[in-house]
Amino acid sequence: MRCMAARRGVNGALGAALYLAPAWTAIPQTLTAASLFPSPERFKAAELRICDAGNEALLAMWGRLGLTPEIYSDQQFAIWVSKPQR
């Protein structure tokens, strides 16, 4: 795997660079903006921002993989599959 990645000029698997890296970048950026010892109110707000950033990043990653979730109000869902971005 390492040899294959080196040939592609990537320091890891190509999938990690294409799909995982963009999703992961959003989370530390949001964490950096959060206070280390916030009040309970600010903690709740920061937690919601971090969860929202992670959720958006994950959905974007799924989209790049060709997966589109559809979530219904009765807690059921569907996942639509198409070709991934490459």
PDB file of N, CA and C in Angstrom:
ATOM      1  N   MET A   1       0.823  -1.188   0.000  1.00  0.00           N
ATOM      2  CA  MET A   1       0.000   0.000   0.000  1.00  0.00           C
ATOM      3  C   MET A   1       0.869   1.255   0.000  1.00  0.00           C
ATOM      4  N   ARG A   2       1.897   1.257   0.822  1.00  0.00           N
ATOM      5  CA  ARG A   2       2.772   2.416   0.925  1.00  0.00           C
ATOM      6  C   ARG A   2       3.448   2.704  -0.404  1.00  0.00           C
ATOM      7  N   CYS A   3       3.890   1.668  -1.097  1.00  0.00           N
ATOM      8  CA  CYS A   3       4.554   1.823  -2.378  1.00  0.00           C
ATOM      9  C   CYS A   3       3.577   2.408  -3.409  1.00  0.00           C
ATOM     10  N   MET A   4       2.367   1.919  -3.386  1.00  0.00           N
ATOM     11  CA  MET A   4       1.339   2.403  -4.295  1.00  0.00           C
ATOM     12  C   MET A   4       1.044   3.882  -4.039  1.00  0.00           C
ATOM     13  N   ALA A   5       0.952   4.260  -2.768  1.00  0.00           N
ATOM     14  CA  ALA A   5       0.688   5.657  -2.409  1.00  0.00           C
ATOM     15  C   ALA A   5       1.855   6.544  -2.814  1.00  0.00           C
ATOM     16  N   ALA A   6       3.073   6.049  -2.644  1.00  0.00           N
ATOM     17  CA  ALA A   6       4.250   6.829  -3.006  1.00  0.00           C
ATOM     18  C   ALA A   6       4.263   7.104  -4.503  1.00  0.00           C
ATOM     19  N   ARG A   7       3.854   6.126  -5.301  1.00  0.00           N
ATOM     20  CA  ARG A   7       3.792   6.324  -6.743  1.00  0.00           C
ATOM     21  C   ARG A   7       2.790   7.400  -7.115  1.00  0.00           C
ATOM     22  N   ARG A   8       1.771   7.539  -6.323  1.00  0.00           N
ATOM     23  CA  ARG A   8       0.738   8.538  -6.596  1.00  0.00           C
ATOM     24  C   ARG A   8       1.104   9.898  -5.999  1.00  0.00           C
ATOM     25  N   GLY A   9       2.163   9.968  -5.256  1.00  0.00           N
ATOM     26  CA  GLY A   9       2.567  11.236  -4.662  1.00  0.00           C
ATOM     27  C   GLY A   9       1.753  11.616  -3.441  1.00  0.00           C
ATOM     28  N   VAL A  10       1.196  10.632  -2.752  1.00  0.00           N
ATOM     29  CA  VAL A  10       0.368  10.880  -1.581  1.00  0.00           C
ATOM     30  C   VAL A  10       1.019  10.204  -0.386  1.00  0.00           C
ATOM     31  N   ASN A  11       1.005  10.846   0.789  1.00  0.00           N
ATOM     32  CA  ASN A  11       1.624  10.270   1.984  1.00  0.00           C
ATOM     33  C   ASN A  11       0.752   9.237   2.664  1.00  0.00           C
ATOM     34  N   GLY A  12      -0.255   8.780   2.035  1.00  0.00           N
ATOM     35  CA  GLY A  12      -1.139   7.755   2.586  1.00  0.00           C
ATOM     36  C   GLY A  12      -1.968   7.208   1.453  1.00  0.00           C
ATOM     37  N   ALA A  13      -3.000   6.518   1.784  1.00  0.00           N
ATOM     38  CA  ALA A  13      -3.870   5.965   0.757  1.00  0.00           C
ATOM     39  C   ALA A  13      -4.571   7.090   0.008  1.00  0.00           C
ATOM     40  N   LEU A  14      -4.774   6.888  -1.254  1.00  0.00           N
ATOM     41  CA  LEU A  14      -5.435   7.899  -2.079  1.00  0.00           C
ATOM     42  C   LEU A  14      -6.834   8.203  -1.550  1.00  0.00           C
ATOM     43  N   GLY A  15      -7.541   7.166  -1.098  1.00  0.00           N
ATOM     44  CA  GLY A  15      -8.885   7.372  -0.546  1.00  0.00           C
ATOM     45  C   GLY A  15      -8.878   8.286   0.663  1.00  0.00           C
ATOM     46  N   ALA A  16      -7.858   8.143   1.496  1.00  0.00           N
ATOM     47  CA  ALA A  16      -7.758   9.010   2.677  1.00  0.00           C
ATOM     48  C   ALA A  16      -7.554  10.453   2.254  1.00  0.00           C
ATOM     49  N   ALA A  17      -6.740  10.669   1.242  1.00  0.00           N
ATOM     50  CA  ALA A  17      -6.483  12.034   0.767  1.00  0.00           C
ATOM     51  C   ALA A  17      -7.718  12.635   0.105  1.00  0.00           C
ATOM     52  N   LEU A  18      -8.452  11.825  -0.652  1.00  0.00           N
ATOM     53  CA  LEU A  18      -9.612  12.336  -1.376  1.00  0.00           C
ATOM     54  C   LEU A  18     -10.852  12.499  -0.514  1.00  0.00           C
ATOM     55  N   TYR A  19     -11.047  11.571   0.406  1.00  0.00           N
ATOM     56  CA  TYR A  19     -12.312  11.539   1.127  1.00  0.00           C
ATOM     57  C   TYR A  19     -12.191  11.915   2.602  1.00  0.00           C
ATOM     58  N   LEU A  20     -11.232  11.354   3.294  1.00  0.00           N
ATOM     59  CA  LEU A  20     -11.129  11.535   4.740  1.00  0.00           C
ATOM     60  C   LEU A  20     -10.500  12.865   5.139  1.00  0.00           C
ATOM     61  N   ALA A  21      -9.449  13.267   4.460  1.00  0.00           N
ATOM     62  CA  ALA A  21      -8.733  14.493   4.834  1.00  0.00           C
ATOM     63  C   ALA A  21      -9.632  15.734   4.830  1.00  0.00           C
ATOM     64  N   PRO A  22     -10.440  15.965   3.791  1.00  0.00           N
ATOM     65  CA  PRO A  22     -11.311  17.146   3.833  1.00  0.00           C
ATOM     66  C   PRO A  22     -12.307  17.107   4.989  1.00  0.00           C
ATOM     67  N   ALA A  23     -12.805  15.923   5.310  1.00  0.00           N
ATOM     68  CA  ALA A  23     -13.758  15.803   6.416  1.00  0.00           C
ATOM     69  C   ALA A  23     -13.074  16.078   7.746  1.00  0.00           C
ATOM     70  N   TRP A  24     -11.878  15.545   7.935  1.00  0.00           N
ATOM     71  CA  TRP A  24     -11.183  15.706   9.203  1.00  0.00           C
ATOM     72  C   TRP A  24     -10.718  17.139   9.419  1.00  0.00           C
ATOM     73  N   THR A  25     -10.396  17.869   8.365  1.00  0.00           N
ATOM     74  CA  THR A  25      -9.881  19.229   8.503  1.00  0.00           C
ATOM     75  C   THR A  25     -10.888  20.150   9.182  1.00  0.00           C
ATOM     76  N   ALA A  26     -12.158  19.961   8.931  1.00  0.00           N
ATOM     77  CA  ALA A  26     -13.190  20.838   9.502  1.00  0.00           C
ATOM     78  C   ALA A  26     -13.277  20.705  11.017  1.00  0.00           C
ATOM     79  N   ILE A  27     -13.046  19.530  11.548  1.00  0.00           N
ATOM     80  CA  ILE A  27     -13.224  19.302  12.986  1.00  0.00           C
ATOM     81  C   ILE A  27     -12.155  20.005  13.821  1.00  0.00           C
ATOM     82  N   PRO A  28     -10.859  19.837  13.539  1.00  0.00           N
ATOM     83  CA  PRO A  28      -9.858  20.567  14.338  1.00  0.00           C
ATOM     84  C   PRO A  28      -9.988  22.087  14.222  1.00  0.00           C
ATOM     85  N   GLN A  29     -10.399  22.573  13.053  1.00  0.00           N
ATOM     86  CA  GLN A  29     -10.598  24.018  12.902  1.00  0.00           C
ATOM     87  C   GLN A  29     -11.677  24.506  13.861  1.00  0.00           C
ATOM     88  N   THR A  30     -12.737  23.746  14.005  1.00  0.00           N
ATOM     89  CA  THR A  30     -13.821  24.116  14.918  1.00  0.00           C
ATOM     90  C   THR A  30     -13.361  23.979  16.367  1.00  0.00           C
ATOM     91  N   LEU A  31     -12.595  22.935  16.670  1.00  0.00           N
ATOM     92  CA  LEU A  31     -12.083  22.753  18.029  1.00  0.00           C
ATOM     93  C   LEU A  31     -11.146  23.884  18.433  1.00  0.00           C
ATOM     94  N   THR A  32     -10.326  24.346  17.519  1.00  0.00           N
ATOM     95  CA  THR A  32      -9.380  25.424  17.800  1.00  0.00           C
ATOM     96  C   THR A  32     -10.110  26.700  18.204  1.00  0.00           C
ATOM     97  N   ALA A  33     -11.267  26.923  17.613  1.00  0.00           N
ATOM     98  CA  ALA A  33     -12.032  28.133  17.916  1.00  0.00           C
ATOM     99  C   ALA A  33     -12.741  28.056  19.271  1.00  0.00           C
ATOM    100  N   ALA A  34     -12.837  26.878  19.859  1.00  0.00           N
ATOM    101  CA  ALA A  34     -13.544  26.708  21.133  1.00  0.00           C
ATOM    102  C   ALA A  34     -12.632  27.057  22.310  1.00  0.00           C
ATOM    103  N   SER A  35     -13.214  27.590  23.359  1.00  0.00           N
ATOM    104  CA  SER A  35     -12.484  27.930  24.575  1.00  0.00           C
ATOM    105  C   SER A  35     -12.126  26.657  25.346  1.00  0.00           C
ATOM    106  N   LEU A  36     -11.004  26.689  26.053  1.00  0.00           N
ATOM    107  CA  LEU A  36     -10.560  25.520  26.812  1.00  0.00           C
ATOM    108  C   LEU A  36     -11.445  25.252  28.029  1.00  0.00           C
ATOM    109  N   PHE A  37     -11.838  26.302  28.743  1.00  0.00           N
ATOM    110  CA  PHE A  37     -12.691  26.161  29.937  1.00  0.00           C
ATOM    111  C   PHE A  37     -13.909  27.081  29.813  1.00  0.00           C
ATOM    112  N   PRO A  38     -14.863  26.727  28.972  1.00  0.00           N
ATOM    113  CA  PRO A  38     -16.019  27.596  28.778  1.00  0.00           C
ATOM    114  C   PRO A  38     -17.051  27.457  29.899  1.00  0.00           C
ATOM    115  N   SER A  39     -17.923  28.440  29.977  1.00  0.00           N
ATOM    116  CA  SER A  39     -19.065  28.342  30.889  1.00  0.00           C
ATOM    117  C   SER A  39     -19.996  27.264  30.329  1.00  0.00           C
ATOM    118  N   PRO A  40     -20.946  26.787  31.149  1.00  0.00           N
ATOM    119  CA  PRO A  40     -21.876  25.760  30.639  1.00  0.00           C
ATOM    120  C   PRO A  40     -22.610  26.199  29.371  1.00  0.00           C
ATOM    121  N   GLU A  41     -22.998  27.466  29.311  1.00  0.00           N
ATOM    122  CA  GLU A  41     -23.707  27.958  28.126  1.00  0.00           C
ATOM    123  C   GLU A  41     -22.792  27.949  26.898  1.00  0.00           C
ATOM    124  N   ARG A  42     -21.566  28.410  27.083  1.00  0.00           N
ATOM    125  CA  ARG A  42     -20.626  28.429  25.963  1.00  0.00           C
ATOM    126  C   ARG A  42     -20.194  27.012  25.575  1.00  0.00           C
ATOM    127  N   PHE A  43     -20.117  26.128  26.563  1.00  0.00           N
ATOM    128  CA  PHE A  43     -19.789  24.724  26.275  1.00  0.00           C
ATOM    129  C   PHE A  43     -20.842  24.122  25.359  1.00  0.00           C
ATOM    130  N   LYS A  44     -22.109  24.360  25.699  1.00  0.00           N
ATOM    131  CA  LYS A  44     -23.203  23.818  24.897  1.00  0.00           C
ATOM    132  C   LYS A  44     -23.150  24.370  23.474  1.00  0.00           C
ATOM    133  N   ALA A  45     -22.915  25.669  23.348  1.00  0.00           N
ATOM    134  CA  ALA A  45     -22.834  26.288  22.023  1.00  0.00           C
ATOM    135  C   ALA A  45     -21.647  25.737  21.234  1.00  0.00           C
ATOM    136  N   ALA A  46     -20.505  25.576  21.911  1.00  0.00           N
ATOM    137  CA  ALA A  46     -19.316  25.044  21.237  1.00  0.00           C
ATOM    138  C   ALA A  46     -19.546  23.592  20.816  1.00  0.00           C
ATOM    139  N   GLU A  47     -20.175  22.819  21.693  1.00  0.00           N
ATOM    140  CA  GLU A  47     -20.455  21.419  21.372  1.00  0.00           C
ATOM    141  C   GLU A  47     -21.345  21.321  20.135  1.00  0.00           C
ATOM    142  N   LEU A  48     -22.348  22.180  20.056  1.00  0.00           N
ATOM    143  CA  LEU A  48     -23.237  22.175  18.896  1.00  0.00           C
ATOM    144  C   LEU A  48     -22.481  22.561  17.623  1.00  0.00           C
ATOM    145  N   ARG A  49     -21.593  23.559  17.704  1.00  0.00           N
ATOM    146  CA  ARG A  49     -20.796  23.957  16.538  1.00  0.00           C
ATOM    147  C   ARG A  49     -19.888  22.810  16.078  1.00  0.00           C
ATOM    148  N   ILE A  50     -19.262  22.132  17.040  1.00  0.00           N
ATOM    149  CA  ILE A  50     -18.362  21.026  16.704  1.00  0.00           C
ATOM    150  C   ILE A  50     -19.153  19.875  16.081  1.00  0.00           C
ATOM    151  N   CYS A  51     -20.292  19.541  16.675  1.00  0.00           N
ATOM    152  CA  CYS A  51     -21.133  18.467  16.120  1.00  0.00           C
ATOM    153  C   CYS A  51     -21.647  18.832  14.727  1.00  0.00           C
ATOM    154  N   ASP A  52     -22.063  20.086  14.551  1.00  0.00           N
ATOM    155  CA  ASP A  52     -22.541  20.528  13.236  1.00  0.00           C
ATOM    156  C   ASP A  52     -21.423  20.458  12.197  1.00  0.00           C
ATOM    157  N   ALA A  53     -20.220  20.901  12.572  1.00  0.00           N
ATOM    158  CA  ALA A  53     -19.087  20.856  11.642  1.00  0.00           C
ATOM    159  C   ALA A  53     -18.757  19.413  11.267  1.00  0.00           C
ATOM    160  N   GLY A  54     -18.758  18.530  12.257  1.00  0.00           N
ATOM    161  CA  GLY A  54     -18.492  17.119  11.981  1.00  0.00           C
ATOM    162  C   GLY A  54     -19.565  16.494  11.116  1.00  0.00           C
ATOM    163  N   ASN A  55     -20.810  16.830  11.390  1.00  0.00           N
ATOM    164  CA  ASN A  55     -21.925  16.302  10.607  1.00  0.00           C
ATOM    165  C   ASN A  55     -21.830  16.759   9.152  1.00  0.00           C
ATOM    166  N   GLU A  56     -21.595  18.059   8.950  1.00  0.00           N
ATOM    167  CA  GLU A  56     -21.473  18.587   7.587  1.00  0.00           C
ATOM    168  C   GLU A  56     -20.290  17.951   6.861  1.00  0.00           C
ATOM    169  N   ALA A  57     -19.170  17.802   7.565  1.00  0.00           N
ATOM    170  CA  ALA A  57     -17.977  17.207   6.954  1.00  0.00           C
ATOM    171  C   ALA A  57     -18.225  15.753   6.581  1.00  0.00           C
ATOM    172  N   LEU A  58     -18.904  15.026   7.448  1.00  0.00           N
ATOM    173  CA  LEU A  58     -19.196  13.615   7.186  1.00  0.00           C
ATOM    174  C   LEU A  58     -20.146  13.466   6.004  1.00  0.00           C
ATOM    175  N   LEU A  59     -21.184  14.289   5.960  1.00  0.00           N
ATOM    176  CA  LEU A  59     -22.126  14.221   4.839  1.00  0.00           C
ATOM    177  C   LEU A  59     -21.438  14.583   3.528  1.00  0.00           C
ATOM    178  N   ALA A  60     -20.533  15.564   3.571  1.00  0.00           N
ATOM    179  CA  ALA A  60     -19.777  15.937   2.366  1.00  0.00           C
ATOM    180  C   ALA A  60     -18.881  14.782   1.925  1.00  0.00           C
ATOM    181  N   MET A  61     -18.248  14.108   2.888  1.00  0.00           N
ATOM    182  CA  MET A  61     -17.401  12.965   2.563  1.00  0.00           C
ATOM    183  C   MET A  61     -18.242  11.848   1.936  1.00  0.00           C
ATOM    184  N   TRP A  62     -19.395  11.572   2.507  1.00  0.00           N
ATOM    185  CA  TRP A  62     -20.276  10.556   1.942  1.00  0.00           C
ATOM    186  C   TRP A  62     -20.663  10.935   0.511  1.00  0.00           C
ATOM    187  N   GLY A  63     -20.932  12.228   0.307  1.00  0.00           N
ATOM    188  CA  GLY A  63     -21.281  12.694  -1.037  1.00  0.00           C
ATOM    189  C   GLY A  63     -20.160  12.426  -2.032  1.00  0.00           C
ATOM    190  N   ARG A  64     -18.906  12.684  -1.628  1.00  0.00           N
ATOM    191  CA  ARG A  64     -17.762  12.409  -2.495  1.00  0.00           C
ATOM    192  C   ARG A  64     -17.621  10.909  -2.763  1.00  0.00           C
ATOM    193  N   LEU A  65     -18.079  10.093  -1.817  1.00  0.00           N
ATOM    194  CA  LEU A  65     -18.042   8.644  -1.995  1.00  0.00           C
ATOM    195  C   LEU A  65     -19.226   8.135  -2.841  1.00  0.00           C
ATOM    196  N   GLY A  66     -20.145   9.029  -3.176  1.00  0.00           N
ATOM    197  CA  GLY A  66     -21.302   8.639  -3.968  1.00  0.00           C
ATOM    198  C   GLY A  66     -22.484   8.199  -3.134  1.00  0.00           C
ATOM    199  N   LEU A  67     -22.485   8.520  -1.847  1.00  0.00           N
ATOM    200  CA  LEU A  67     -23.576   8.141  -0.948  1.00  0.00           C
ATOM    201  C   LEU A  67     -24.375   9.379  -0.545  1.00  0.00           C
ATOM    202  N   THR A  68     -25.677   9.309  -0.715  1.00  0.00           N
ATOM    203  CA  THR A  68     -26.545  10.419  -0.333  1.00  0.00           C
ATOM    204  C   THR A  68     -27.595   9.909   0.645  1.00  0.00           C
ATOM    205  N   PRO A  69     -27.487  10.310   1.920  1.00  0.00           N
ATOM    206  CA  PRO A  69     -28.489   9.858   2.887  1.00  0.00           C
ATOM    207  C   PRO A  69     -29.755  10.708   2.796  1.00  0.00           C
ATOM    208  N   GLU A  70     -30.852  10.072   3.041  1.00  0.00           N
ATOM    209  CA  GLU A  70     -32.134  10.752   3.137  1.00  0.00           C
ATOM    210  C   GLU A  70     -32.737  10.332   4.470  1.00  0.00           C
ATOM    211  N   ILE A  71     -32.910  11.300   5.377  1.00  0.00           N
ATOM    212  CA  ILE A  71     -33.374  10.995   6.728  1.00  0.00           C
ATOM    213  C   ILE A  71     -34.804  11.484   6.875  1.00  0.00           C
ATOM    214  N   TYR A  72     -35.667  10.599   7.369  1.00  0.00           N
ATOM    215  CA  TYR A  72     -37.077  10.909   7.525  1.00  0.00           C
ATOM    216  C   TYR A  72     -37.394  11.248   8.975  1.00  0.00           C
ATOM    217  N   SER A  73     -38.492  11.923   9.194  1.00  0.00           N
ATOM    218  CA  SER A  73     -38.858  12.373  10.538  1.00  0.00           C
ATOM    219  C   SER A  73     -39.165  11.220  11.496  1.00  0.00           C
ATOM    220  N   ASP A  74     -39.502  10.056  10.978  1.00  0.00           N
ATOM    221  CA  ASP A  74     -39.811   8.922  11.853  1.00  0.00           C
ATOM    222  C   ASP A  74     -38.565   8.102  12.185  1.00  0.00           C
ATOM    223  N   GLN A  75     -37.392   8.702  12.062  1.00  0.00           N
ATOM    224  CA  GLN A  75     -36.090   8.112  12.384  1.00  0.00           C
ATOM    225  C   GLN A  75     -35.707   6.968  11.451  1.00  0.00           C
ATOM    226  N   GLN A  76     -36.330   6.896  10.308  1.00  0.00           N
ATOM    227  CA  GLN A  76     -35.916   5.949   9.295  1.00  0.00           C
ATOM    228  C   GLN A  76     -35.096   6.705   8.264  1.00  0.00           C
ATOM    229  N   PHE A  77     -34.344   5.982   7.445  1.00  0.00           N
ATOM    230  CA  PHE A  77     -33.509   6.647   6.460  1.00  0.00           C
ATOM    231  C   PHE A  77     -33.302   5.753   5.244  1.00  0.00           C
ATOM    232  N   ALA A  78     -32.811   6.369   4.193  1.00  0.00           N
ATOM    233  CA  ALA A  78     -32.416   5.659   2.983  1.00  0.00           C
ATOM    234  C   ALA A  78     -31.054   6.192   2.577  1.00  0.00           C
ATOM    235  N   ILE A  79     -30.260   5.376   1.932  1.00  0.00           N
ATOM    236  CA  ILE A  79     -28.972   5.813   1.407  1.00  0.00           C
ATOM    237  C   ILE A  79     -28.964   5.526  -0.084  1.00  0.00           C
ATOM    238  N   TRP A  80     -28.816   6.581  -0.865  1.00  0.00           N
ATOM    239  CA  TRP A  80     -28.785   6.458  -2.311  1.00  0.00           C
ATOM    240  C   TRP A  80     -27.328   6.361  -2.744  1.00  0.00           C
ATOM    241  N   VAL A  81     -27.045   5.459  -3.681  1.00  0.00           N
ATOM    242  CA  VAL A  81     -25.679   5.171  -4.091  1.00  0.00           C
ATOM    243  C   VAL A  81     -25.480   5.560  -5.555  1.00  0.00           C
ATOM    244  N   SER A  82     -24.389   6.280  -5.817  1.00  0.00           N
ATOM    245  CA  SER A  82     -24.005   6.626  -7.183  1.00  0.00           C
ATOM    246  C   SER A  82     -22.492   6.473  -7.292  1.00  0.00           C
ATOM    247  N   LYS A  83     -21.907   6.882  -8.399  1.00  0.00           N
ATOM    248  CA  LYS A  83     -20.462   6.756  -8.576  1.00  0.00           C
ATOM    249  C   LYS A  83     -19.728   7.752  -7.676  1.00  0.00           C
ATOM    250  N   PRO A  84     -18.632   7.328  -7.072  1.00  0.00           N
ATOM    251  CA  PRO A  84     -17.843   8.246  -6.256  1.00  0.00           C
ATOM    252  C   PRO A  84     -17.035   9.210  -7.106  1.00  0.00           C
ATOM    253  N   GLN A  85     -16.662  10.347  -6.511  1.00  0.00           N
ATOM    254  CA  GLN A  85     -15.743  11.271  -7.165  1.00  0.00           C
ATOM    255  C   GLN A  85     -14.358  10.653  -7.139  1.00  0.00           C
ATOM    256  N   ARG A  86     -13.586  10.906  -8.129  1.00  0.00           N
ATOM    257  CA  ARG A  86     -12.211  10.380  -8.159  1.00  0.00           C
ATOM    258  C   ARG A  86     -11.254  11.459  -8.522  1.00  0.00           C
TER     259      ARG A  86
END
